[in-house]
């Protein structure tokens, strides 16, 4: 193993003895290993949405192309003393036009990543999911929260808490596969995936328990690959070893989950926000399943979380690019 490979593993491995937090491992690896990704930033027209990509550019993680009304972007930059002189700005009149133009630039291969600015998520996703001019693939589009929860030793993924409201079994298969692919391709290893419900036993009275059991069987049959699945699991016995022991649950996932798959958007959104506001967790986030990773940020995100979102997207895009470049067997 080369010195560079050893350094990469030390920077990203959850078990490494380096003095790096969960997000810092992602950020460090993105800085050291991957070239900056050309990133189309859609409508960065307030301080938070403009400062985020500029800081990620300063760190050497991305190269932003700013898409929006040039007068607004310039005014925000002047007001908050942000230097945008070295970045390309694509002038469009308003947020709807910025979303359409951003997606168009991706379709024209003029960017590797798409990043949400100060427009509403629905505006951007309407263009992304357009059947004629959008960025759809054969895979269902879904969102993953990348959580850094104090006192939990693992980087915790929660999916889907932002895009799919009541996903059916086929959609959940894609949601899980998207999360597994992200986990593995940013260098975190083989994930332990807990499919959540209210209880850990299969019962016809709670449909999500039946779907959890079916998804585990789909993994056994190779319809979901790359992760270790268990479910149904209640939240406590998914993340707490003692709770799993008391319930007599013996699996590689129970008590040690790294990906939490929620029954529906309502449950996922409440879980993620509970961790953010009650447990003081940081939350980065990406939309997956489109032609490129999409960086979704909110005004409440810390600088560190924004940087982690960019780092995860860059690592994921680089992994996909390298896989695509491999010759066919």
C-alpha atoms as a PDB file:
ATOM      1  CA  UNK A   1       0.000   0.000   0.000  1.00  0.00           C
ATOM      2  CA  UNK A   2       1.363   3.415  -0.950  1.00  0.00           C
ATOM      3  CA  UNK A   3       1.863   6.286   1.514  1.00  0.00           C
ATOM      4  CA  UNK A   4      -0.905   8.218  -0.248  1.00  0.00           C
ATOM      5  CA  UNK A   5      -3.325   5.306   0.081  1.00  0.00           C
ATOM      6  CA  UNK A   6      -2.497   4.974   3.778  1.00  0.00           C
ATOM      7  CA  UNK A   7      -3.151   8.677   4.299  1.00  0.00           C
ATOM      8  CA  UNK A   8      -6.482   8.447   2.471  1.00  0.00           C
ATOM      9  CA  UNK A   9      -7.648   5.555   4.641  1.00  0.00           C
ATOM     10  CA  UNK A  10      -6.554   7.316   7.833  1.00  0.00           C
ATOM     11  CA  UNK A  11      -8.452  10.438   6.807  1.00  0.00           C
ATOM     12  CA  UNK A  12     -11.752   8.717   6.042  1.00  0.00           C
ATOM     13  CA  UNK A  13     -11.932   5.561   8.150  1.00  0.00           C
ATOM     14  CA  UNK A  14     -14.432   5.815  11.034  1.00  0.00           C
ATOM     15  CA  UNK A  15     -12.083   3.715  13.149  1.00  0.00           C
ATOM     16  CA  UNK A  16      -8.961   5.771  12.426  1.00  0.00           C
ATOM     17  CA  UNK A  17      -7.088   7.355  15.308  1.00  0.00           C
ATOM     18  CA  UNK A  18      -6.694  10.676  13.516  1.00  0.00           C
ATOM     19  CA  UNK A  19      -8.020  13.691  15.439  1.00  0.00           C
ATOM     20  CA  UNK A  20     -10.723  14.369  12.874  1.00  0.00           C
ATOM     21  CA  UNK A  21     -14.491  14.501  13.387  1.00  0.00           C
ATOM     22  CA  UNK A  22     -16.915  12.802  11.032  1.00  0.00           C
ATOM     23  CA  UNK A  23     -17.320  15.816   8.738  1.00  0.00           C
ATOM     24  CA  UNK A  24     -13.645  16.748   8.849  1.00  0.00           C
ATOM     25  CA  UNK A  25     -12.777  13.295   7.471  1.00  0.00           C
ATOM     26  CA  UNK A  26     -14.972  13.955   4.430  1.00  0.00           C
ATOM     27  CA  UNK A  27     -13.685  17.505   3.982  1.00  0.00           C
ATOM     28  CA  UNK A  28     -10.034  16.493   4.378  1.00  0.00           C
ATOM     29  CA  UNK A  29     -10.346  13.692   1.859  1.00  0.00           C
ATOM     30  CA  UNK A  30     -12.107  15.941  -0.663  1.00  0.00           C
ATOM     31  CA  UNK A  31      -9.328  18.515  -0.323  1.00  0.00           C
ATOM     32  CA  UNK A  32      -6.460  16.047  -0.527  1.00  0.00           C
ATOM     33  CA  UNK A  33      -7.606  13.409  -2.976  1.00  0.00           C
ATOM     34  CA  UNK A  34     -10.144  14.841  -5.427  1.00  0.00           C
ATOM     35  CA  UNK A  35      -9.789  17.772  -7.854  1.00  0.00           C
ATOM     36  CA  UNK A  36     -12.298  20.627  -7.348  1.00  0.00           C
ATOM     37  CA  UNK A  37     -15.597  19.897  -9.103  1.00  0.00           C
ATOM     38  CA  UNK A  38     -17.227  22.402 -11.419  1.00  0.00           C
ATOM     39  CA  UNK A  39     -20.434  23.250  -9.538  1.00  0.00           C
ATOM     40  CA  UNK A  40     -23.463  25.091 -10.886  1.00  0.00           C
ATOM     41  CA  UNK A  41     -24.851  27.207  -8.025  1.00  0.00           C
ATOM     42  CA  UNK A  42     -28.487  28.144  -8.672  1.00  0.00           C
ATOM     43  CA  UNK A  43     -29.677  31.596  -7.522  1.00  0.00           C
ATOM     44  CA  UNK A  44     -27.148  32.437  -4.755  1.00  0.00           C
ATOM     45  CA  UNK A  45     -28.910  35.682  -3.892  1.00  0.00           C
ATOM     46  CA  UNK A  46     -28.487  35.986  -0.141  1.00  0.00           C
ATOM     47  CA  UNK A  47     -25.446  35.959   2.117  1.00  0.00           C
ATOM     48  CA  UNK A  48     -25.723  32.330   3.232  1.00  0.00           C
ATOM     49  CA  UNK A  49     -26.219  30.823  -0.223  1.00  0.00           C
ATOM     50  CA  UNK A  50     -23.397  32.919  -1.708  1.00  0.00           C
ATOM     51  CA  UNK A  51     -20.905  32.560   1.128  1.00  0.00           C
ATOM     52  CA  UNK A  52     -21.221  28.751   1.195  1.00  0.00           C
ATOM     53  CA  UNK A  53     -19.918  28.017  -2.315  1.00  0.00           C
ATOM     54  CA  UNK A  54     -17.262  30.728  -2.023  1.00  0.00           C
ATOM     55  CA  UNK A  55     -15.896  29.140   1.153  1.00  0.00           C
ATOM     56  CA  UNK A  56     -15.953  25.694  -0.473  1.00  0.00           C
ATOM     57  CA  UNK A  57     -14.081  27.190  -3.435  1.00  0.00           C
ATOM     58  CA  UNK A  58     -11.546  28.806  -1.095  1.00  0.00           C
ATOM     59  CA  UNK A  59     -11.005  25.379   0.492  1.00  0.00           C
ATOM     60  CA  UNK A  60     -10.326  23.896  -2.940  1.00  0.00           C
ATOM     61  CA  UNK A  61     -13.384  21.612  -2.959  1.00  0.00           C
ATOM     62  CA  UNK A  62     -15.473  23.123  -5.775  1.00  0.00           C
ATOM     63  CA  UNK A  63     -15.246  25.617  -8.645  1.00  0.00           C
ATOM     64  CA  UNK A  64     -18.572  27.481  -8.646  1.00  0.00           C
ATOM     65  CA  UNK A  65     -20.489  28.877 -11.592  1.00  0.00           C
ATOM     66  CA  UNK A  66     -23.009  31.364 -10.188  1.00  0.00           C
ATOM     67  CA  UNK A  67     -26.384  31.375 -11.980  1.00  0.00           C
ATOM     68  CA  UNK A  68     -28.835  34.164 -11.166  1.00  0.00           C
ATOM     69  CA  UNK A  69     -29.548  37.888 -11.564  1.00  0.00           C
ATOM     70  CA  UNK A  70     -26.068  39.413 -11.746  1.00  0.00           C
ATOM     71  CA  UNK A  71     -27.223  42.684 -10.140  1.00  0.00           C
ATOM     72  CA  UNK A  72     -28.604  40.837  -7.091  1.00  0.00           C
ATOM     73  CA  UNK A  73     -25.578  38.578  -6.710  1.00  0.00           C
ATOM     74  CA  UNK A  74     -23.217  41.548  -7.005  1.00  0.00           C
ATOM     75  CA  UNK A  75     -25.223  43.561  -4.469  1.00  0.00           C
ATOM     76  CA  UNK A  76     -25.109  40.719  -1.930  1.00  0.00           C
ATOM     77  CA  UNK A  77     -21.372  40.332  -2.496  1.00  0.00           C
ATOM     78  CA  UNK A  78     -20.754  44.055  -1.930  1.00  0.00           C
ATOM     79  CA  UNK A  79     -22.947  44.210   1.163  1.00  0.00           C
ATOM     80  CA  UNK A  80     -21.197  41.297   2.841  1.00  0.00           C
ATOM     81  CA  UNK A  81     -17.674  41.950   1.492  1.00  0.00           C
ATOM     82  CA  UNK A  82     -17.493  38.766  -0.580  1.00  0.00           C
ATOM     83  CA  UNK A  83     -15.082  38.634  -3.519  1.00  0.00           C
ATOM     84  CA  UNK A  84     -16.788  37.100  -6.566  1.00  0.00           C
ATOM     85  CA  UNK A  85     -14.470  38.637  -9.151  1.00  0.00           C
ATOM     86  CA  UNK A  86     -12.815  35.357 -10.138  1.00  0.00           C
ATOM     87  CA  UNK A  87     -16.032  33.379 -10.619  1.00  0.00           C
ATOM     88  CA  UNK A  88     -18.175  33.015 -13.726  1.00  0.00           C
ATOM     89  CA  UNK A  89     -21.682  34.480 -13.386  1.00  0.00           C
ATOM     90  CA  UNK A  90     -24.488  33.451 -15.744  1.00  0.00           C
ATOM     91  CA  UNK A  91     -27.049  36.256 -15.745  1.00  0.00           C
ATOM     92  CA  UNK A  92     -30.743  35.287 -15.698  1.00  0.00           C
ATOM     93  CA  UNK A  93     -33.714  37.406 -14.569  1.00  0.00           C
ATOM     94  CA  UNK A  94     -35.174  35.400 -11.650  1.00  0.00           C
ATOM     95  CA  UNK A  95     -35.115  32.173  -9.646  1.00  0.00           C
ATOM     96  CA  UNK A  96     -37.249  30.112 -12.060  1.00  0.00           C
ATOM     97  CA  UNK A  97     -34.942  31.047 -14.924  1.00  0.00           C
ATOM     98  CA  UNK A  98     -31.920  30.261 -12.733  1.00  0.00           C
ATOM     99  CA  UNK A  99     -33.234  26.757 -12.011  1.00  0.00           C
ATOM    100  CA  UNK A 100     -33.896  26.100 -15.710  1.00  0.00           C
ATOM    101  CA  UNK A 101     -30.503  27.457 -16.746  1.00  0.00           C
ATOM    102  CA  UNK A 102     -28.680  25.517 -14.045  1.00  0.00           C
ATOM    103  CA  UNK A 103     -30.217  22.242 -15.184  1.00  0.00           C
ATOM    104  CA  UNK A 104     -29.465  23.143 -18.807  1.00  0.00           C
ATOM    105  CA  UNK A 105     -25.777  23.682 -17.978  1.00  0.00           C
ATOM    106  CA  UNK A 106     -25.626  20.248 -16.364  1.00  0.00           C
ATOM    107  CA  UNK A 107     -27.297  18.654 -19.402  1.00  0.00           C
ATOM    108  CA  UNK A 108     -24.690  20.367 -21.592  1.00  0.00           C
ATOM    109  CA  UNK A 109     -21.908  18.841 -19.434  1.00  0.00           C
ATOM    110  CA  UNK A 110     -20.781  22.276 -18.238  1.00  0.00           C
ATOM    111  CA  UNK A 111     -20.884  21.230 -14.573  1.00  0.00           C
ATOM    112  CA  UNK A 112     -20.438  18.109 -12.448  1.00  0.00           C
ATOM    113  CA  UNK A 113     -22.595  19.165  -9.491  1.00  0.00           C
ATOM    114  CA  UNK A 114     -25.743  21.214  -8.942  1.00  0.00           C
ATOM    115  CA  UNK A 115     -26.103  23.337  -5.801  1.00  0.00           C
ATOM    116  CA  UNK A 116     -29.241  24.996  -4.453  1.00  0.00           C
ATOM    117  CA  UNK A 117     -29.043  28.696  -3.626  1.00  0.00           C
ATOM    118  CA  UNK A 118     -31.705  30.937  -2.087  1.00  0.00           C
ATOM    119  CA  UNK A 119     -34.602  29.669  -4.197  1.00  0.00           C
ATOM    120  CA  UNK A 120     -37.192  27.248  -2.839  1.00  0.00           C
ATOM    121  CA  UNK A 121     -36.376  23.542  -3.139  1.00  0.00           C
ATOM    122  CA  UNK A 122     -39.576  22.950  -5.135  1.00  0.00           C
ATOM    123  CA  UNK A 123     -38.466  25.444  -7.796  1.00  0.00           C
ATOM    124  CA  UNK A 124     -35.195  23.640  -8.340  1.00  0.00           C
ATOM    125  CA  UNK A 125     -36.601  20.109  -8.160  1.00  0.00           C
ATOM    126  CA  UNK A 126     -39.376  20.949 -10.646  1.00  0.00           C
ATOM    127  CA  UNK A 127     -36.677  21.558 -13.259  1.00  0.00           C
ATOM    128  CA  UNK A 128     -34.573  18.587 -12.139  1.00  0.00           C
ATOM    129  CA  UNK A 129     -37.488  16.162 -12.417  1.00  0.00           C
ATOM    130  CA  UNK A 130     -38.902  17.435 -15.721  1.00  0.00           C
ATOM    131  CA  UNK A 131     -39.542  14.475 -18.001  1.00  0.00           C
ATOM    132  CA  UNK A 132     -38.280  16.362 -21.064  1.00  0.00           C
ATOM    133  CA  UNK A 133     -35.545  18.749 -19.940  1.00  0.00           C
ATOM    134  CA  UNK A 134     -34.631  17.475 -16.473  1.00  0.00           C
ATOM    135  CA  UNK A 135     -31.930  15.249 -14.991  1.00  0.00           C
ATOM    136  CA  UNK A 136     -33.865  12.043 -14.369  1.00  0.00           C
ATOM    137  CA  UNK A 137     -32.267   8.606 -14.642  1.00  0.00           C
ATOM    138  CA  UNK A 138     -33.749   5.112 -14.313  1.00  0.00           C
ATOM    139  CA  UNK A 139     -33.216   5.429 -10.531  1.00  0.00           C
ATOM    140  CA  UNK A 140     -35.735   7.112  -8.236  1.00  0.00           C
ATOM    141  CA  UNK A 141     -34.546  10.526  -7.030  1.00  0.00           C
ATOM    142  CA  UNK A 142     -34.148  10.700  -3.237  1.00  0.00           C
ATOM    143  CA  UNK A 143     -32.535  12.747  -0.469  1.00  0.00           C
ATOM    144  CA  UNK A 144     -29.988  11.694   2.144  1.00  0.00           C
ATOM    145  CA  UNK A 145     -29.226  13.583   5.347  1.00  0.00           C
ATOM    146  CA  UNK A 146     -25.604  13.070   6.387  1.00  0.00           C
ATOM    147  CA  UNK A 147     -25.746  13.581  10.156  1.00  0.00           C
ATOM    148  CA  UNK A 148     -22.967  14.210  12.634  1.00  0.00           C
ATOM    149  CA  UNK A 149     -24.726  13.386  15.924  1.00  0.00           C
ATOM    150  CA  UNK A 150     -22.833  14.145  19.146  1.00  0.00           C
ATOM    151  CA  UNK A 151     -22.104  10.995  21.198  1.00  0.00           C
ATOM    152  CA  UNK A 152     -22.980   8.662  18.294  1.00  0.00           C
ATOM    153  CA  UNK A 153     -19.792   7.081  16.967  1.00  0.00           C
ATOM    154  CA  UNK A 154     -20.953   6.648  13.367  1.00  0.00           C
ATOM    155  CA  UNK A 155     -21.679   9.054  10.552  1.00  0.00           C
ATOM    156  CA  UNK A 156     -25.451   8.623  10.329  1.00  0.00           C
ATOM    157  CA  UNK A 157     -27.421   8.733   7.070  1.00  0.00           C
ATOM    158  CA  UNK A 158     -31.202   9.315   7.179  1.00  0.00           C
ATOM    159  CA  UNK A 159     -33.277   8.723   4.061  1.00  0.00           C
ATOM    160  CA  UNK A 160     -35.669   9.871   2.650  1.00  0.00           C
ATOM    161  CA  UNK A 161     -36.759  12.900   4.640  1.00  0.00           C
ATOM    162  CA  UNK A 162     -37.106  15.526   1.917  1.00  0.00           C
ATOM    163  CA  UNK A 163     -38.271  14.248  -1.504  1.00  0.00           C
ATOM    164  CA  UNK A 164     -40.508  11.140  -1.479  1.00  0.00           C
ATOM    165  CA  UNK A 165     -43.570  11.609   0.708  1.00  0.00           C
ATOM    166  CA  UNK A 166     -45.042   8.092   0.846  1.00  0.00           C
ATOM    167  CA  UNK A 167     -42.660   5.855  -1.142  1.00  0.00           C
ATOM    168  CA  UNK A 168     -43.827   2.414  -2.190  1.00  0.00           C
ATOM    169  CA  UNK A 169     -41.681  -0.731  -2.081  1.00  0.00           C
ATOM    170  CA  UNK A 170     -40.004  -0.121  -5.448  1.00  0.00           C
ATOM    171  CA  UNK A 171     -39.218   3.481  -4.533  1.00  0.00           C
ATOM    172  CA  UNK A 172     -37.763   2.348  -1.197  1.00  0.00           C
ATOM    173  CA  UNK A 173     -35.492  -0.062  -3.032  1.00  0.00           C
ATOM    174  CA  UNK A 174     -34.033   2.876  -4.971  1.00  0.00           C
ATOM    175  CA  UNK A 175     -33.905   5.086  -1.883  1.00  0.00           C
ATOM    176  CA  UNK A 176     -31.835   2.441  -0.073  1.00  0.00           C
ATOM    177  CA  UNK A 177     -29.582   1.796  -3.058  1.00  0.00           C
ATOM    178  CA  UNK A 178     -28.931   5.523  -3.493  1.00  0.00           C
ATOM    179  CA  UNK A 179     -27.875   5.810   0.152  1.00  0.00           C
ATOM    180  CA  UNK A 180     -25.669   2.712   0.015  1.00  0.00           C
ATOM    181  CA  UNK A 181     -23.969   3.955  -3.147  1.00  0.00           C
ATOM    182  CA  UNK A 182     -23.235   7.315  -1.529  1.00  0.00           C
ATOM    183  CA  UNK A 183     -21.922   5.707   1.647  1.00  0.00           C
ATOM    184  CA  UNK A 184     -19.577   3.365  -0.167  1.00  0.00           C
ATOM    185  CA  UNK A 185     -18.414   5.775  -2.857  1.00  0.00           C
ATOM    186  CA  UNK A 186     -17.394   8.550  -0.460  1.00  0.00           C
ATOM    187  CA  UNK A 187     -15.151   5.987   1.225  1.00  0.00           C
ATOM    188  CA  UNK A 188     -17.048   5.045   4.389  1.00  0.00           C
ATOM    189  CA  UNK A 189     -17.016   1.283   3.748  1.00  0.00           C
ATOM    190  CA  UNK A 190     -19.894  -1.223   3.715  1.00  0.00           C
ATOM    191  CA  UNK A 191     -22.883   0.336   5.519  1.00  0.00           C
ATOM    192  CA  UNK A 192     -25.141  -1.219   8.121  1.00  0.00           C
ATOM    193  CA  UNK A 193     -28.674  -0.332   6.997  1.00  0.00           C
ATOM    194  CA  UNK A 194     -31.588  -0.289   9.437  1.00  0.00           C
ATOM    195  CA  UNK A 195     -35.084  -0.175   7.958  1.00  0.00           C
ATOM    196  CA  UNK A 196     -37.135   1.588  10.618  1.00  0.00           C
ATOM    197  CA  UNK A 197     -40.655   1.067  11.845  1.00  0.00           C
ATOM    198  CA  UNK A 198     -42.410   1.480  15.190  1.00  0.00           C
ATOM    199  CA  UNK A 199     -41.608  -2.099  16.223  1.00  0.00           C
ATOM    200  CA  UNK A 200     -39.031  -4.750  15.402  1.00  0.00           C
ATOM    201  CA  UNK A 201     -41.474  -7.568  14.571  1.00  0.00           C
ATOM    202  CA  UNK A 202     -43.393  -8.085  11.342  1.00  0.00           C
ATOM    203  CA  UNK A 203     -47.109  -7.424  11.731  1.00  0.00           C
ATOM    204  CA  UNK A 204     -49.896  -6.881   9.225  1.00  0.00           C
ATOM    205  CA  UNK A 205     -51.184  -4.032  11.392  1.00  0.00           C
ATOM    206  CA  UNK A 206     -48.141  -1.893  10.519  1.00  0.00           C
ATOM    207  CA  UNK A 207     -47.469  -2.029   6.748  1.00  0.00           C
ATOM    208  CA  UNK A 208     -43.961  -0.578   7.074  1.00  0.00           C
ATOM    209  CA  UNK A 209     -42.866  -3.729   8.944  1.00  0.00           C
ATOM    210  CA  UNK A 210     -43.931  -5.869   6.002  1.00  0.00           C
ATOM    211  CA  UNK A 211     -42.089  -3.619   3.553  1.00  0.00           C
ATOM    212  CA  UNK A 212     -38.972  -3.759   5.748  1.00  0.00           C
ATOM    213  CA  UNK A 213     -39.027  -7.548   5.696  1.00  0.00           C
ATOM    214  CA  UNK A 214     -39.546  -7.550   1.930  1.00  0.00           C
ATOM    215  CA  UNK A 215     -36.626  -5.157   1.400  1.00  0.00           C
ATOM    216  CA  UNK A 216     -34.336  -7.401   3.439  1.00  0.00           C
ATOM    217  CA  UNK A 217     -35.363 -10.363   1.271  1.00  0.00           C
ATOM    218  CA  UNK A 218     -34.748  -8.248  -1.844  1.00  0.00           C
ATOM    219  CA  UNK A 219     -31.202  -7.700  -0.565  1.00  0.00           C
ATOM    220  CA  UNK A 220     -30.830 -11.469  -0.083  1.00  0.00           C
ATOM    221  CA  UNK A 221     -31.833 -11.903  -3.744  1.00  0.00           C
ATOM    222  CA  UNK A 222     -29.371  -9.281  -5.016  1.00  0.00           C
ATOM    223  CA  UNK A 223     -31.962  -6.596  -5.786  1.00  0.00           C
ATOM    224  CA  UNK A 224     -30.213  -4.291  -3.309  1.00  0.00           C
ATOM    225  CA  UNK A 225     -26.431  -4.519  -3.163  1.00  0.00           C
ATOM    226  CA  UNK A 226     -23.452  -3.153  -1.274  1.00  0.00           C
ATOM    227  CA  UNK A 227     -24.862  -2.973   2.267  1.00  0.00           C
ATOM    228  CA  UNK A 228     -25.940  -5.084   5.243  1.00  0.00           C
ATOM    229  CA  UNK A 229     -29.707  -4.756   5.780  1.00  0.00           C
ATOM    230  CA  UNK A 230     -31.923  -5.521   8.765  1.00  0.00           C
ATOM    231  CA  UNK A 231     -35.505  -4.625   9.495  1.00  0.00           C
ATOM    232  CA  UNK A 232     -37.963  -3.899  10.726  1.00  0.00           C
ATOM    233  CA  UNK A 233     -36.104  -2.230  13.584  1.00  0.00           C
ATOM    234  CA  UNK A 234     -37.440   0.361  15.992  1.00  0.00           C
ATOM    235  CA  UNK A 235     -35.238   3.434  16.337  1.00  0.00           C
ATOM    236  CA  UNK A 236     -33.873   2.456  19.756  1.00  0.00           C
ATOM    237  CA  UNK A 237     -32.739  -1.009  18.781  1.00  0.00           C
ATOM    238  CA  UNK A 238     -31.315   0.294  15.520  1.00  0.00           C
ATOM    239  CA  UNK A 239     -28.878   2.685  17.192  1.00  0.00           C
ATOM    240  CA  UNK A 240     -28.440   1.446  20.793  1.00  0.00           C
ATOM    241  CA  UNK A 241     -26.625  -1.872  21.428  1.00  0.00           C
ATOM    242  CA  UNK A 242     -28.176  -2.292  24.878  1.00  0.00           C
ATOM    243  CA  UNK A 243     -31.708  -1.789  23.526  1.00  0.00           C
ATOM    244  CA  UNK A 244     -31.016  -4.421  20.855  1.00  0.00           C
ATOM    245  CA  UNK A 245     -29.619  -6.812  23.484  1.00  0.00           C
ATOM    246  CA  UNK A 246     -32.646  -6.417  25.753  1.00  0.00           C
ATOM    247  CA  UNK A 247     -34.971  -7.197  22.825  1.00  0.00           C
ATOM    248  CA  UNK A 248     -32.854 -10.237  21.921  1.00  0.00           C
ATOM    249  CA  UNK A 249     -32.050  -8.935  18.445  1.00  0.00           C
ATOM    250  CA  UNK A 250     -28.843 -10.417  17.078  1.00  0.00           C
ATOM    251  CA  UNK A 251     -27.622  -8.994  13.801  1.00  0.00           C
ATOM    252  CA  UNK A 252     -24.700  -7.067  12.349  1.00  0.00           C
ATOM    253  CA  UNK A 253     -26.932  -3.983  12.046  1.00  0.00           C
ATOM    254  CA  UNK A 254     -28.937  -3.784  15.283  1.00  0.00           C
ATOM    255  CA  UNK A 255     -27.523  -1.240  17.710  1.00  0.00           C
ATOM    256  CA  UNK A 256     -24.878  -0.097  15.226  1.00  0.00           C
ATOM    257  CA  UNK A 257     -26.800   1.294  12.245  1.00  0.00           C
ATOM    258  CA  UNK A 258     -25.153   3.743   9.865  1.00  0.00           C
ATOM    259  CA  UNK A 259     -28.060   4.251   7.441  1.00  0.00           C
ATOM    260  CA  UNK A 260     -31.584   4.744   8.804  1.00  0.00           C
ATOM    261  CA  UNK A 261     -34.338   4.164   6.236  1.00  0.00           C
ATOM    262  CA  UNK A 262     -37.572   5.777   7.421  1.00  0.00           C
ATOM    263  CA  UNK A 263     -41.120   4.652   6.525  1.00  0.00           C
ATOM    264  CA  UNK A 264     -42.108   7.996   4.979  1.00  0.00           C
ATOM    265  CA  UNK A 265     -41.078  11.628   4.667  1.00  0.00           C
ATOM    266  CA  UNK A 266     -43.015  12.766   7.750  1.00  0.00           C
ATOM    267  CA  UNK A 267     -41.224  10.303  10.013  1.00  0.00           C
ATOM    268  CA  UNK A 268     -37.849  11.083   8.463  1.00  0.00           C
ATOM    269  CA  UNK A 269     -38.259  14.826   8.630  1.00  0.00           C
ATOM    270  CA  UNK A 270     -39.266  14.712  12.295  1.00  0.00           C
ATOM    271  CA  UNK A 271     -36.394  12.355  13.134  1.00  0.00           C
ATOM    272  CA  UNK A 272     -33.796  14.508  11.376  1.00  0.00           C
ATOM    273  CA  UNK A 273     -35.045  17.750  12.910  1.00  0.00           C
ATOM    274  CA  UNK A 274     -35.244  16.147  16.340  1.00  0.00           C
ATOM    275  CA  UNK A 275     -31.554  15.236  16.067  1.00  0.00           C
ATOM    276  CA  UNK A 276     -30.663  18.698  14.756  1.00  0.00           C
ATOM    277  CA  UNK A 277     -32.510  20.766  17.343  1.00  0.00           C
ATOM    278  CA  UNK A 278     -32.609  18.473  20.380  1.00  0.00           C
ATOM    279  CA  UNK A 279     -29.350  16.537  20.018  1.00  0.00           C
ATOM    280  CA  UNK A 280     -27.469  19.457  18.394  1.00  0.00           C
ATOM    281  CA  UNK A 281     -26.507  17.363  15.375  1.00  0.00           C
ATOM    282  CA  UNK A 282     -25.080  18.881  12.207  1.00  0.00           C
ATOM    283  CA  UNK A 283     -26.820  17.899   8.968  1.00  0.00           C
ATOM    284  CA  UNK A 284     -25.332  17.891   5.510  1.00  0.00           C
ATOM    285  CA  UNK A 285     -27.473  16.709   2.624  1.00  0.00           C
ATOM    286  CA  UNK A 286     -27.539  15.539  -0.984  1.00  0.00           C
ATOM    287  CA  UNK A 287     -30.149  14.612  -3.558  1.00  0.00           C
ATOM    288  CA  UNK A 288     -29.226  11.416  -5.411  1.00  0.00           C
ATOM    289  CA  UNK A 289     -30.574   9.447  -8.347  1.00  0.00           C
ATOM    290  CA  UNK A 290     -30.281  12.323 -10.833  1.00  0.00           C
ATOM    291  CA  UNK A 291     -27.559  12.640 -13.476  1.00  0.00           C
ATOM    292  CA  UNK A 292     -25.387  14.498 -10.963  1.00  0.00           C
ATOM    293  CA  UNK A 293     -25.415  14.869  -7.173  1.00  0.00           C
ATOM    294  CA  UNK A 294     -27.453  17.876  -6.023  1.00  0.00           C
ATOM    295  CA  UNK A 295     -26.305  19.811  -2.951  1.00  0.00           C
ATOM    296  CA  UNK A 296     -29.286  20.974  -0.878  1.00  0.00           C
ATOM    297  CA  UNK A 297     -28.538  23.445   1.887  1.00  0.00           C
ATOM    298  CA  UNK A 298     -30.698  25.529   4.205  1.00  0.00           C
ATOM    299  CA  UNK A 299     -30.206  28.790   6.070  1.00  0.00           C
ATOM    300  CA  UNK A 300     -29.896  26.821   9.313  1.00  0.00           C
ATOM    301  CA  UNK A 301     -26.874  24.831   8.107  1.00  0.00           C
ATOM    302  CA  UNK A 302     -23.538  25.567   9.743  1.00  0.00           C
ATOM    303  CA  UNK A 303     -20.501  26.430   7.635  1.00  0.00           C
ATOM    304  CA  UNK A 304     -19.077  23.025   8.550  1.00  0.00           C
ATOM    305  CA  UNK A 305     -22.229  21.232   7.378  1.00  0.00           C
ATOM    306  CA  UNK A 306     -22.269  23.152   4.081  1.00  0.00           C
ATOM    307  CA  UNK A 307     -18.663  22.233   3.503  1.00  0.00           C
ATOM    308  CA  UNK A 308     -19.430  18.589   4.285  1.00  0.00           C
ATOM    309  CA  UNK A 309     -22.298  18.591   1.745  1.00  0.00           C
ATOM    310  CA  UNK A 310     -19.913  19.881  -0.924  1.00  0.00           C
ATOM    311  CA  UNK A 311     -17.206  17.405   0.080  1.00  0.00           C
ATOM    312  CA  UNK A 312     -19.556  14.402  -0.053  1.00  0.00           C
ATOM    313  CA  UNK A 313     -20.898  15.488  -3.455  1.00  0.00           C
ATOM    314  CA  UNK A 314     -17.403  15.954  -4.871  1.00  0.00           C
ATOM    315  CA  UNK A 315     -16.213  12.557  -3.589  1.00  0.00           C
ATOM    316  CA  UNK A 316     -19.343  10.859  -4.953  1.00  0.00           C
ATOM    317  CA  UNK A 317     -19.030  12.537  -8.368  1.00  0.00           C
ATOM    318  CA  UNK A 318     -15.341  11.639  -8.577  1.00  0.00           C
ATOM    319  CA  UNK A 319     -16.055   7.992  -7.755  1.00  0.00           C
ATOM    320  CA  UNK A 320     -18.750   7.817 -10.433  1.00  0.00           C
ATOM    321  CA  UNK A 321     -16.456   9.487 -12.953  1.00  0.00           C
ATOM    322  CA  UNK A 322     -13.641   6.998 -12.285  1.00  0.00           C
ATOM    323  CA  UNK A 323     -16.020   4.032 -12.509  1.00  0.00           C
ATOM    324  CA  UNK A 324     -17.371   5.301 -15.824  1.00  0.00           C
ATOM    325  CA  UNK A 325     -13.815   5.570 -17.149  1.00  0.00           C
ATOM    326  CA  UNK A 326     -13.026   1.897 -16.444  1.00  0.00           C
ATOM    327  CA  UNK A 327     -12.934  -0.299 -19.575  1.00  0.00           C
ATOM    328  CA  UNK A 328     -15.601  -2.949 -19.932  1.00  0.00           C
ATOM    329  CA  UNK A 329     -14.592  -6.402 -18.757  1.00  0.00           C
END
